[in-house]
């Protein structure tokens, strides 16, 4: 089980990421590594492309009720609302700053009838009713969750035949011994261990390795962070958090290059 203290630490990290993104006044506030289809794409275009890849894999219909867990700034949800018809999307996030920002934007853009953002853990989804959701999406965040509890709760709120679609990072099987060294490594897990957990409630529709498409964006993330570190708008805490993100992103890039890490687009069907 992911500890409350670790969850609180992650929430603080993402509060600081949100403040940094707002200080930088970035027009598109994505927090993902992107999906590269050609070398001419900008960083934000790659990030948007990953979100669109997830949404297309989810096969969204106009009458669908959707949950998006770990939605970051909500940028992906506004992209989806602009490009796809669906009935309603509720986001869950543990960062109070990101929930506040996304709800304010939803109100400002008159989208609060379609987009709603809630403070809450993905393992709990407070207020979500049993068998009330058609699609549950997790873009680059499931490695923060207590996976068995997350899969169980996702299966509870999804209707039979509903889909869970995740853009997910995990360790290669050879790294399994390392996953028991620390709690934050255990939650990442290996694909085999994670599959064992989700197959208690879900049928595996597809697992598509997309590390080749993601790795260029990971490397670009490191460069983008380093380029902005000297921005005077950053507080010392925000700058420290940004440096930490650059460090971990560099490790992800190395892990994908050496095949010690996987990046998969996963589609699961609720039994």
C-alpha atoms as a PDB file:
ATOM      1  CA  UNK A   1       0.000   0.000   0.000  1.00  0.00           C
ATOM      2  CA  UNK A   2       1.311   3.460  -0.903  1.00  0.00           C
ATOM      3  CA  UNK A   3       1.864   5.359   2.337  1.00  0.00           C
ATOM      4  CA  UNK A   4      -0.024   8.535   3.177  1.00  0.00           C
ATOM      5  CA  UNK A   5       3.280  10.331   3.720  1.00  0.00           C
ATOM      6  CA  UNK A   6       4.491   9.431   0.236  1.00  0.00           C
ATOM      7  CA  UNK A   7       1.200  10.546  -1.296  1.00  0.00           C
ATOM      8  CA  UNK A   8       1.470  13.862   0.563  1.00  0.00           C
ATOM      9  CA  UNK A   9       5.036  14.288  -0.703  1.00  0.00           C
ATOM     10  CA  UNK A  10       3.934  13.694  -4.303  1.00  0.00           C
ATOM     11  CA  UNK A  11       1.095  16.201  -3.881  1.00  0.00           C
ATOM     12  CA  UNK A  12       3.556  18.867  -2.716  1.00  0.00           C
ATOM     13  CA  UNK A  13       5.815  18.128  -5.685  1.00  0.00           C
ATOM     14  CA  UNK A  14       2.996  18.667  -8.136  1.00  0.00           C
ATOM     15  CA  UNK A  15       1.812  21.806  -6.361  1.00  0.00           C
ATOM     16  CA  UNK A  16       5.302  23.171  -7.009  1.00  0.00           C
ATOM     17  CA  UNK A  17       5.315  21.961 -10.609  1.00  0.00           C
ATOM     18  CA  UNK A  18       2.027  23.787 -11.128  1.00  0.00           C
ATOM     19  CA  UNK A  19       3.372  27.002  -9.613  1.00  0.00           C
ATOM     20  CA  UNK A  20       6.458  26.748 -11.828  1.00  0.00           C
ATOM     21  CA  UNK A  21       4.362  26.252 -14.962  1.00  0.00           C
ATOM     22  CA  UNK A  22       2.263  29.273 -14.073  1.00  0.00           C
ATOM     23  CA  UNK A  23       5.348  31.364 -13.333  1.00  0.00           C
ATOM     24  CA  UNK A  24       6.762  30.437 -16.734  1.00  0.00           C
ATOM     25  CA  UNK A  25       3.439  31.508 -18.257  1.00  0.00           C
ATOM     26  CA  UNK A  26       3.520  28.514 -20.587  1.00  0.00           C
ATOM     27  CA  UNK A  27       0.485  28.565 -22.903  1.00  0.00           C
ATOM     28  CA  UNK A  28       0.207  24.748 -22.812  1.00  0.00           C
ATOM     29  CA  UNK A  29       0.782  23.307 -19.346  1.00  0.00           C
ATOM     30  CA  UNK A  30       1.247  19.619 -20.121  1.00  0.00           C
ATOM     31  CA  UNK A  31       3.171  17.343 -17.777  1.00  0.00           C
ATOM     32  CA  UNK A  32       4.045  14.325 -19.913  1.00  0.00           C
ATOM     33  CA  UNK A  33       6.919  13.107 -22.078  1.00  0.00           C
ATOM     34  CA  UNK A  34       5.094  13.283 -25.385  1.00  0.00           C
ATOM     35  CA  UNK A  35       4.686  11.034 -28.414  1.00  0.00           C
ATOM     36  CA  UNK A  36       7.000  11.783 -31.329  1.00  0.00           C
ATOM     37  CA  UNK A  37       5.985  11.058 -34.910  1.00  0.00           C
ATOM     38  CA  UNK A  38       8.423  13.394 -36.682  1.00  0.00           C
ATOM     39  CA  UNK A  39      11.506  15.414 -35.784  1.00  0.00           C
ATOM     40  CA  UNK A  40       9.854  18.736 -36.618  1.00  0.00           C
ATOM     41  CA  UNK A  41       7.288  18.564 -33.819  1.00  0.00           C
ATOM     42  CA  UNK A  42       7.588  21.119 -31.038  1.00  0.00           C
ATOM     43  CA  UNK A  43       7.758  19.918 -27.447  1.00  0.00           C
ATOM     44  CA  UNK A  44       4.118  20.850 -26.808  1.00  0.00           C
ATOM     45  CA  UNK A  45       2.999  19.167 -30.039  1.00  0.00           C
ATOM     46  CA  UNK A  46       4.610  15.923 -28.871  1.00  0.00           C
ATOM     47  CA  UNK A  47       2.906  16.230 -25.485  1.00  0.00           C
ATOM     48  CA  UNK A  48      -0.463  16.829 -27.109  1.00  0.00           C
ATOM     49  CA  UNK A  49       0.147  13.883 -29.442  1.00  0.00           C
ATOM     50  CA  UNK A  50       0.532  11.504 -26.477  1.00  0.00           C
ATOM     51  CA  UNK A  51      -2.790  12.657 -25.033  1.00  0.00           C
ATOM     52  CA  UNK A  52      -4.498  12.195 -28.398  1.00  0.00           C
ATOM     53  CA  UNK A  53      -2.988   8.719 -28.754  1.00  0.00           C
ATOM     54  CA  UNK A  54      -4.497   7.747 -25.398  1.00  0.00           C
ATOM     55  CA  UNK A  55      -7.894   9.179 -26.289  1.00  0.00           C
ATOM     56  CA  UNK A  56      -8.015   7.415 -29.651  1.00  0.00           C
ATOM     57  CA  UNK A  57      -7.098   4.122 -27.966  1.00  0.00           C
ATOM     58  CA  UNK A  58     -10.020   4.659 -25.575  1.00  0.00           C
ATOM     59  CA  UNK A  59     -12.537   4.744 -28.473  1.00  0.00           C
ATOM     60  CA  UNK A  60     -14.577   7.554 -26.949  1.00  0.00           C
ATOM     61  CA  UNK A  61     -18.257   7.924 -27.900  1.00  0.00           C
ATOM     62  CA  UNK A  62     -20.459  11.035 -27.524  1.00  0.00           C
ATOM     63  CA  UNK A  63     -22.471   9.522 -24.639  1.00  0.00           C
ATOM     64  CA  UNK A  64     -19.448   8.451 -22.590  1.00  0.00           C
ATOM     65  CA  UNK A  65     -18.813   9.331 -18.967  1.00  0.00           C
ATOM     66  CA  UNK A  66     -15.042   9.555 -18.426  1.00  0.00           C
ATOM     67  CA  UNK A  67     -12.679   9.670 -15.456  1.00  0.00           C
ATOM     68  CA  UNK A  68      -9.153  11.023 -15.876  1.00  0.00           C
ATOM     69  CA  UNK A  69      -6.832  10.277 -12.956  1.00  0.00           C
ATOM     70  CA  UNK A  70      -3.657  12.266 -12.301  1.00  0.00           C
ATOM     71  CA  UNK A  71      -4.671  14.927 -14.826  1.00  0.00           C
ATOM     72  CA  UNK A  72      -1.844  17.370 -14.071  1.00  0.00           C
ATOM     73  CA  UNK A  73      -2.903  20.888 -15.005  1.00  0.00           C
ATOM     74  CA  UNK A  74      -5.889  19.513 -16.909  1.00  0.00           C
ATOM     75  CA  UNK A  75      -4.356  20.531 -20.237  1.00  0.00           C
ATOM     76  CA  UNK A  76      -5.103  17.135 -21.765  1.00  0.00           C
ATOM     77  CA  UNK A  77      -8.762  17.336 -20.734  1.00  0.00           C
ATOM     78  CA  UNK A  78      -9.254  20.701 -22.430  1.00  0.00           C
ATOM     79  CA  UNK A  79      -7.575  19.309 -25.547  1.00  0.00           C
ATOM     80  CA  UNK A  80      -9.940  16.322 -25.531  1.00  0.00           C
ATOM     81  CA  UNK A  81     -12.993  18.518 -24.934  1.00  0.00           C
ATOM     82  CA  UNK A  82     -12.014  20.661 -27.907  1.00  0.00           C
ATOM     83  CA  UNK A  83     -11.462  17.779 -30.316  1.00  0.00           C
ATOM     84  CA  UNK A  84     -13.845  14.998 -29.259  1.00  0.00           C
ATOM     85  CA  UNK A  85     -17.517  14.764 -28.284  1.00  0.00           C
ATOM     86  CA  UNK A  86     -18.212  13.107 -24.934  1.00  0.00           C
ATOM     87  CA  UNK A  87     -20.829  13.630 -22.242  1.00  0.00           C
ATOM     88  CA  UNK A  88     -18.794  14.395 -19.133  1.00  0.00           C
ATOM     89  CA  UNK A  89     -15.260  14.036 -17.778  1.00  0.00           C
ATOM     90  CA  UNK A  90     -14.320  14.072 -14.107  1.00  0.00           C
ATOM     91  CA  UNK A  91     -10.673  14.427 -13.180  1.00  0.00           C
ATOM     92  CA  UNK A  92      -9.111  13.238  -9.921  1.00  0.00           C
ATOM     93  CA  UNK A  93      -5.805  14.586  -8.636  1.00  0.00           C
ATOM     94  CA  UNK A  94      -3.975  14.787  -5.301  1.00  0.00           C
ATOM     95  CA  UNK A  95      -2.511  18.254  -5.979  1.00  0.00           C
ATOM     96  CA  UNK A  96      -4.781  21.000  -4.582  1.00  0.00           C
ATOM     97  CA  UNK A  97      -3.086  23.616  -6.758  1.00  0.00           C
ATOM     98  CA  UNK A  98      -3.738  21.656  -9.953  1.00  0.00           C
ATOM     99  CA  UNK A  99      -7.367  20.955  -9.029  1.00  0.00           C
ATOM    100  CA  UNK A 100      -7.932  24.655  -8.328  1.00  0.00           C
ATOM    101  CA  UNK A 101      -6.248  25.720 -11.580  1.00  0.00           C
ATOM    102  CA  UNK A 102      -8.189  23.236 -13.737  1.00  0.00           C
ATOM    103  CA  UNK A 103     -11.555  24.111 -12.201  1.00  0.00           C
ATOM    104  CA  UNK A 104     -10.903  27.831 -12.638  1.00  0.00           C
ATOM    105  CA  UNK A 105     -10.039  27.299 -16.282  1.00  0.00           C
ATOM    106  CA  UNK A 106     -13.129  25.123 -16.785  1.00  0.00           C
ATOM    107  CA  UNK A 107     -15.299  27.903 -15.353  1.00  0.00           C
ATOM    108  CA  UNK A 108     -13.542  30.608 -17.378  1.00  0.00           C
ATOM    109  CA  UNK A 109     -14.047  28.674 -20.628  1.00  0.00           C
ATOM    110  CA  UNK A 110     -17.656  27.724 -19.798  1.00  0.00           C
ATOM    111  CA  UNK A 111     -16.812  24.026 -19.863  1.00  0.00           C
ATOM    112  CA  UNK A 112     -17.859  23.136 -16.318  1.00  0.00           C
ATOM    113  CA  UNK A 113     -20.871  21.233 -17.685  1.00  0.00           C
ATOM    114  CA  UNK A 114     -18.390  18.822 -19.347  1.00  0.00           C
ATOM    115  CA  UNK A 115     -15.196  19.082 -17.278  1.00  0.00           C
ATOM    116  CA  UNK A 116     -15.094  18.743 -13.484  1.00  0.00           C
ATOM    117  CA  UNK A 117     -11.985  18.358 -11.346  1.00  0.00           C
ATOM    118  CA  UNK A 118     -11.881  16.771  -7.883  1.00  0.00           C
ATOM    119  CA  UNK A 119      -9.281  16.422  -5.157  1.00  0.00           C
ATOM    120  CA  UNK A 120      -8.861  12.723  -4.474  1.00  0.00           C
ATOM    121  CA  UNK A 121      -6.640   9.677  -4.823  1.00  0.00           C
ATOM    122  CA  UNK A 122      -6.919   7.365  -7.814  1.00  0.00           C
ATOM    123  CA  UNK A 123      -7.236   4.426  -5.429  1.00  0.00           C
ATOM    124  CA  UNK A 124     -10.348   5.996  -3.883  1.00  0.00           C
ATOM    125  CA  UNK A 125     -12.115   8.128  -6.549  1.00  0.00           C
ATOM    126  CA  UNK A 126     -14.335   9.748  -3.912  1.00  0.00           C
ATOM    127  CA  UNK A 127     -17.934  10.186  -4.992  1.00  0.00           C
ATOM    128  CA  UNK A 128     -17.687   8.043  -8.135  1.00  0.00           C
ATOM    129  CA  UNK A 129     -20.594   5.605  -8.237  1.00  0.00           C
ATOM    130  CA  UNK A 130     -20.340   1.898  -8.978  1.00  0.00           C
ATOM    131  CA  UNK A 131     -20.661   0.999 -12.682  1.00  0.00           C
ATOM    132  CA  UNK A 132     -21.162   4.646 -13.661  1.00  0.00           C
ATOM    133  CA  UNK A 133     -18.195   5.261 -15.984  1.00  0.00           C
ATOM    134  CA  UNK A 134     -17.456   4.182 -19.556  1.00  0.00           C
ATOM    135  CA  UNK A 135     -13.750   5.054 -19.736  1.00  0.00           C
ATOM    136  CA  UNK A 136     -11.004   5.613 -17.169  1.00  0.00           C
ATOM    137  CA  UNK A 137      -7.779   7.235 -18.377  1.00  0.00           C
ATOM    138  CA  UNK A 138      -4.344   7.473 -16.759  1.00  0.00           C
ATOM    139  CA  UNK A 139      -1.716   9.436 -18.672  1.00  0.00           C
ATOM    140  CA  UNK A 140       1.749   8.891 -17.237  1.00  0.00           C
ATOM    141  CA  UNK A 141       0.708   8.628 -13.591  1.00  0.00           C
ATOM    142  CA  UNK A 142      -0.147   5.020 -12.657  1.00  0.00           C
ATOM    143  CA  UNK A 143       3.414   4.474 -11.383  1.00  0.00           C
ATOM    144  CA  UNK A 144       2.457   6.715  -8.439  1.00  0.00           C
ATOM    145  CA  UNK A 145      -0.458   4.511  -7.388  1.00  0.00           C
ATOM    146  CA  UNK A 146      -0.992   1.521  -5.159  1.00  0.00           C
ATOM    147  CA  UNK A 147      -1.718  -0.485  -8.282  1.00  0.00           C
ATOM    148  CA  UNK A 148      -3.806  -3.362  -6.884  1.00  0.00           C
ATOM    149  CA  UNK A 149      -6.096  -0.886  -5.085  1.00  0.00           C
ATOM    150  CA  UNK A 150      -6.230   1.360  -8.152  1.00  0.00           C
ATOM    151  CA  UNK A 151      -7.216  -1.495 -10.482  1.00  0.00           C
ATOM    152  CA  UNK A 152      -9.825  -2.704  -8.008  1.00  0.00           C
ATOM    153  CA  UNK A 153     -11.403   0.745  -7.627  1.00  0.00           C
ATOM    154  CA  UNK A 154     -11.261   1.360 -11.385  1.00  0.00           C
ATOM    155  CA  UNK A 155     -13.129  -1.894 -11.976  1.00  0.00           C
ATOM    156  CA  UNK A 156     -15.768  -0.853  -9.442  1.00  0.00           C
ATOM    157  CA  UNK A 157     -16.600   2.450 -11.128  1.00  0.00           C
ATOM    158  CA  UNK A 158     -16.391   1.188 -14.728  1.00  0.00           C
ATOM    159  CA  UNK A 159     -19.394  -0.391 -16.383  1.00  0.00           C
ATOM    160  CA  UNK A 160     -18.938  -3.990 -17.618  1.00  0.00           C
ATOM    161  CA  UNK A 161     -17.027  -3.729 -20.879  1.00  0.00           C
ATOM    162  CA  UNK A 162     -15.688  -0.298 -19.948  1.00  0.00           C
ATOM    163  CA  UNK A 163     -12.046   0.462 -20.723  1.00  0.00           C
ATOM    164  CA  UNK A 164      -9.096   1.557 -18.621  1.00  0.00           C
ATOM    165  CA  UNK A 165      -6.450   3.143 -20.874  1.00  0.00           C
ATOM    166  CA  UNK A 166      -3.022   4.012 -19.479  1.00  0.00           C
ATOM    167  CA  UNK A 167       0.167   5.486 -20.868  1.00  0.00           C
ATOM    168  CA  UNK A 168       2.413   3.764 -18.353  1.00  0.00           C
ATOM    169  CA  UNK A 169       6.044   3.361 -17.312  1.00  0.00           C
ATOM    170  CA  UNK A 170       7.276   0.143 -15.713  1.00  0.00           C
ATOM    171  CA  UNK A 171      10.515  -1.753 -15.154  1.00  0.00           C
ATOM    172  CA  UNK A 172      11.764  -4.523 -17.390  1.00  0.00           C
ATOM    173  CA  UNK A 173      11.435  -7.998 -15.864  1.00  0.00           C
ATOM    174  CA  UNK A 174      15.171  -8.190 -15.155  1.00  0.00           C
ATOM    175  CA  UNK A 175      14.789  -5.232 -12.775  1.00  0.00           C
ATOM    176  CA  UNK A 176      12.285  -6.981 -10.507  1.00  0.00           C
ATOM    177  CA  UNK A 177      14.745  -7.383  -7.568  1.00  0.00           C
ATOM    178  CA  UNK A 178      15.363  -3.620  -7.574  1.00  0.00           C
ATOM    179  CA  UNK A 179      11.660  -2.870  -7.214  1.00  0.00           C
ATOM    180  CA  UNK A 180      11.695  -4.123  -3.621  1.00  0.00           C
ATOM    181  CA  UNK A 181      14.415  -1.731  -2.496  1.00  0.00           C
ATOM    182  CA  UNK A 182      12.138   1.303  -2.056  1.00  0.00           C
ATOM    183  CA  UNK A 183       8.447   2.077  -1.949  1.00  0.00           C
ATOM    184  CA  UNK A 184       8.618   4.437  -4.925  1.00  0.00           C
ATOM    185  CA  UNK A 185      10.232   1.683  -7.014  1.00  0.00           C
ATOM    186  CA  UNK A 186       7.699  -0.937  -5.890  1.00  0.00           C
ATOM    187  CA  UNK A 187       4.810   1.181  -7.116  1.00  0.00           C
ATOM    188  CA  UNK A 188       6.402   1.375 -10.593  1.00  0.00           C
ATOM    189  CA  UNK A 189       6.657  -2.409 -10.717  1.00  0.00           C
ATOM    190  CA  UNK A 190       7.314  -4.597 -13.740  1.00  0.00           C
ATOM    191  CA  UNK A 191       4.830  -5.198 -16.518  1.00  0.00           C
ATOM    192  CA  UNK A 192       4.447  -8.820 -15.438  1.00  0.00           C
ATOM    193  CA  UNK A 193       3.685  -7.902 -11.822  1.00  0.00           C
ATOM    194  CA  UNK A 194       1.340  -5.121 -12.842  1.00  0.00           C
ATOM    195  CA  UNK A 195      -0.478  -7.416 -15.273  1.00  0.00           C
ATOM    196  CA  UNK A 196      -0.936  -9.959 -12.506  1.00  0.00           C
ATOM    197  CA  UNK A 197      -2.613  -7.238 -10.439  1.00  0.00           C
ATOM    198  CA  UNK A 198      -4.916  -5.888 -13.151  1.00  0.00           C
ATOM    199  CA  UNK A 199      -5.989  -9.280 -14.491  1.00  0.00           C
ATOM    200  CA  UNK A 200      -7.930  -9.896 -11.278  1.00  0.00           C
ATOM    201  CA  UNK A 201     -10.560  -7.481 -12.619  1.00  0.00           C
ATOM    202  CA  UNK A 202      -9.674  -6.772 -16.259  1.00  0.00           C
ATOM    203  CA  UNK A 203      -9.111  -8.565 -19.540  1.00  0.00           C
ATOM    204  CA  UNK A 204      -6.023  -7.342 -21.358  1.00  0.00           C
ATOM    205  CA  UNK A 205      -7.226  -5.789 -24.605  1.00  0.00           C
ATOM    206  CA  UNK A 206      -3.771  -4.633 -25.788  1.00  0.00           C
ATOM    207  CA  UNK A 207      -0.296  -3.666 -24.576  1.00  0.00           C
ATOM    208  CA  UNK A 208       1.637  -1.631 -27.150  1.00  0.00           C
ATOM    209  CA  UNK A 209       5.259  -0.693 -26.511  1.00  0.00           C
ATOM    210  CA  UNK A 210       5.760   2.965 -27.472  1.00  0.00           C
ATOM    211  CA  UNK A 211       9.210   3.626 -25.965  1.00  0.00           C
ATOM    212  CA  UNK A 212      10.637   4.634 -29.361  1.00  0.00           C
ATOM    213  CA  UNK A 213       7.968   7.298 -29.778  1.00  0.00           C
ATOM    214  CA  UNK A 214       8.299   8.536 -26.190  1.00  0.00           C
ATOM    215  CA  UNK A 215      12.076   8.589 -25.692  1.00  0.00           C
ATOM    216  CA  UNK A 216      12.770  11.705 -27.851  1.00  0.00           C
ATOM    217  CA  UNK A 217      10.296  13.658 -25.741  1.00  0.00           C
ATOM    218  CA  UNK A 218      11.941  12.473 -22.521  1.00  0.00           C
ATOM    219  CA  UNK A 219      15.273  13.796 -23.761  1.00  0.00           C
ATOM    220  CA  UNK A 220      13.605  17.028 -24.835  1.00  0.00           C
ATOM    221  CA  UNK A 221      12.094  17.351 -21.346  1.00  0.00           C
ATOM    222  CA  UNK A 222      15.569  17.416 -19.811  1.00  0.00           C
ATOM    223  CA  UNK A 223      16.686  20.128 -22.240  1.00  0.00           C
ATOM    224  CA  UNK A 224      13.526  22.178 -21.691  1.00  0.00           C
ATOM    225  CA  UNK A 225      13.943  22.089 -17.920  1.00  0.00           C
ATOM    226  CA  UNK A 226      17.605  23.076 -18.070  1.00  0.00           C
ATOM    227  CA  UNK A 227      16.727  25.928 -20.422  1.00  0.00           C
ATOM    228  CA  UNK A 228      14.284  27.418 -17.917  1.00  0.00           C
ATOM    229  CA  UNK A 229      16.182  26.861 -14.649  1.00  0.00           C
ATOM    230  CA  UNK A 230      17.569  30.390 -14.559  1.00  0.00           C
ATOM    231  CA  UNK A 231      14.168  32.019 -14.960  1.00  0.00           C
ATOM    232  CA  UNK A 232      13.939  34.706 -12.233  1.00  0.00           C
ATOM    233  CA  UNK A 233      10.255  33.874 -11.680  1.00  0.00           C
ATOM    234  CA  UNK A 234      11.224  30.620  -9.946  1.00  0.00           C
ATOM    235  CA  UNK A 235      11.392  30.420  -6.169  1.00  0.00           C
ATOM    236  CA  UNK A 236      14.284  28.366  -4.727  1.00  0.00           C
ATOM    237  CA  UNK A 237      11.856  25.534  -3.906  1.00  0.00           C
ATOM    238  CA  UNK A 238      10.437  25.510  -7.439  1.00  0.00           C
ATOM    239  CA  UNK A 239      13.921  25.543  -8.947  1.00  0.00           C
ATOM    240  CA  UNK A 240      14.939  22.609  -6.737  1.00  0.00           C
ATOM    241  CA  UNK A 241      11.826  20.675  -7.782  1.00  0.00           C
ATOM    242  CA  UNK A 242      12.513  21.434 -11.444  1.00  0.00           C
ATOM    243  CA  UNK A 243      16.103  20.156 -11.084  1.00  0.00           C
ATOM    244  CA  UNK A 244      14.771  16.969  -9.498  1.00  0.00           C
ATOM    245  CA  UNK A 245      12.427  16.478 -12.436  1.00  0.00           C
ATOM    246  CA  UNK A 246      15.349  16.909 -14.853  1.00  0.00           C
ATOM    247  CA  UNK A 247      17.358  14.309 -12.923  1.00  0.00           C
ATOM    248  CA  UNK A 248      14.573  11.718 -12.932  1.00  0.00           C
ATOM    249  CA  UNK A 249      13.748  12.410 -16.575  1.00  0.00           C
ATOM    250  CA  UNK A 250      17.384  11.768 -17.479  1.00  0.00           C
ATOM    251  CA  UNK A 251      17.180   8.420 -15.675  1.00  0.00           C
ATOM    252  CA  UNK A 252      13.993   7.583 -17.580  1.00  0.00           C
ATOM    253  CA  UNK A 253      15.718   8.419 -20.878  1.00  0.00           C
ATOM    254  CA  UNK A 254      18.634   6.146 -19.974  1.00  0.00           C
ATOM    255  CA  UNK A 255      16.269   3.408 -18.816  1.00  0.00           C
ATOM    256  CA  UNK A 256      14.301   3.480 -22.075  1.00  0.00           C
ATOM    257  CA  UNK A 257      17.503   3.498 -24.131  1.00  0.00           C
ATOM    258  CA  UNK A 258      18.905   0.480 -22.251  1.00  0.00           C
ATOM    259  CA  UNK A 259      15.527  -1.323 -22.165  1.00  0.00           C
ATOM    260  CA  UNK A 260      15.613  -1.404 -18.364  1.00  0.00           C
ATOM    261  CA  UNK A 261      12.383   0.612 -18.448  1.00  0.00           C
ATOM    262  CA  UNK A 262       9.276   0.121 -20.564  1.00  0.00           C
ATOM    263  CA  UNK A 263       6.740   2.631 -21.791  1.00  0.00           C
ATOM    264  CA  UNK A 264       3.466   1.060 -22.898  1.00  0.00           C
ATOM    265  CA  UNK A 265       0.042   2.141 -24.072  1.00  0.00           C
ATOM    266  CA  UNK A 266      -2.232  -0.273 -22.207  1.00  0.00           C
ATOM    267  CA  UNK A 267      -5.918  -0.930 -22.893  1.00  0.00           C
ATOM    268  CA  UNK A 268      -7.837  -3.036 -20.360  1.00  0.00           C
ATOM    269  CA  UNK A 269     -11.479  -4.155 -20.516  1.00  0.00           C
ATOM    270  CA  UNK A 270     -13.500  -4.476 -17.345  1.00  0.00           C
ATOM    271  CA  UNK A 271     -15.014  -7.953 -17.019  1.00  0.00           C
END
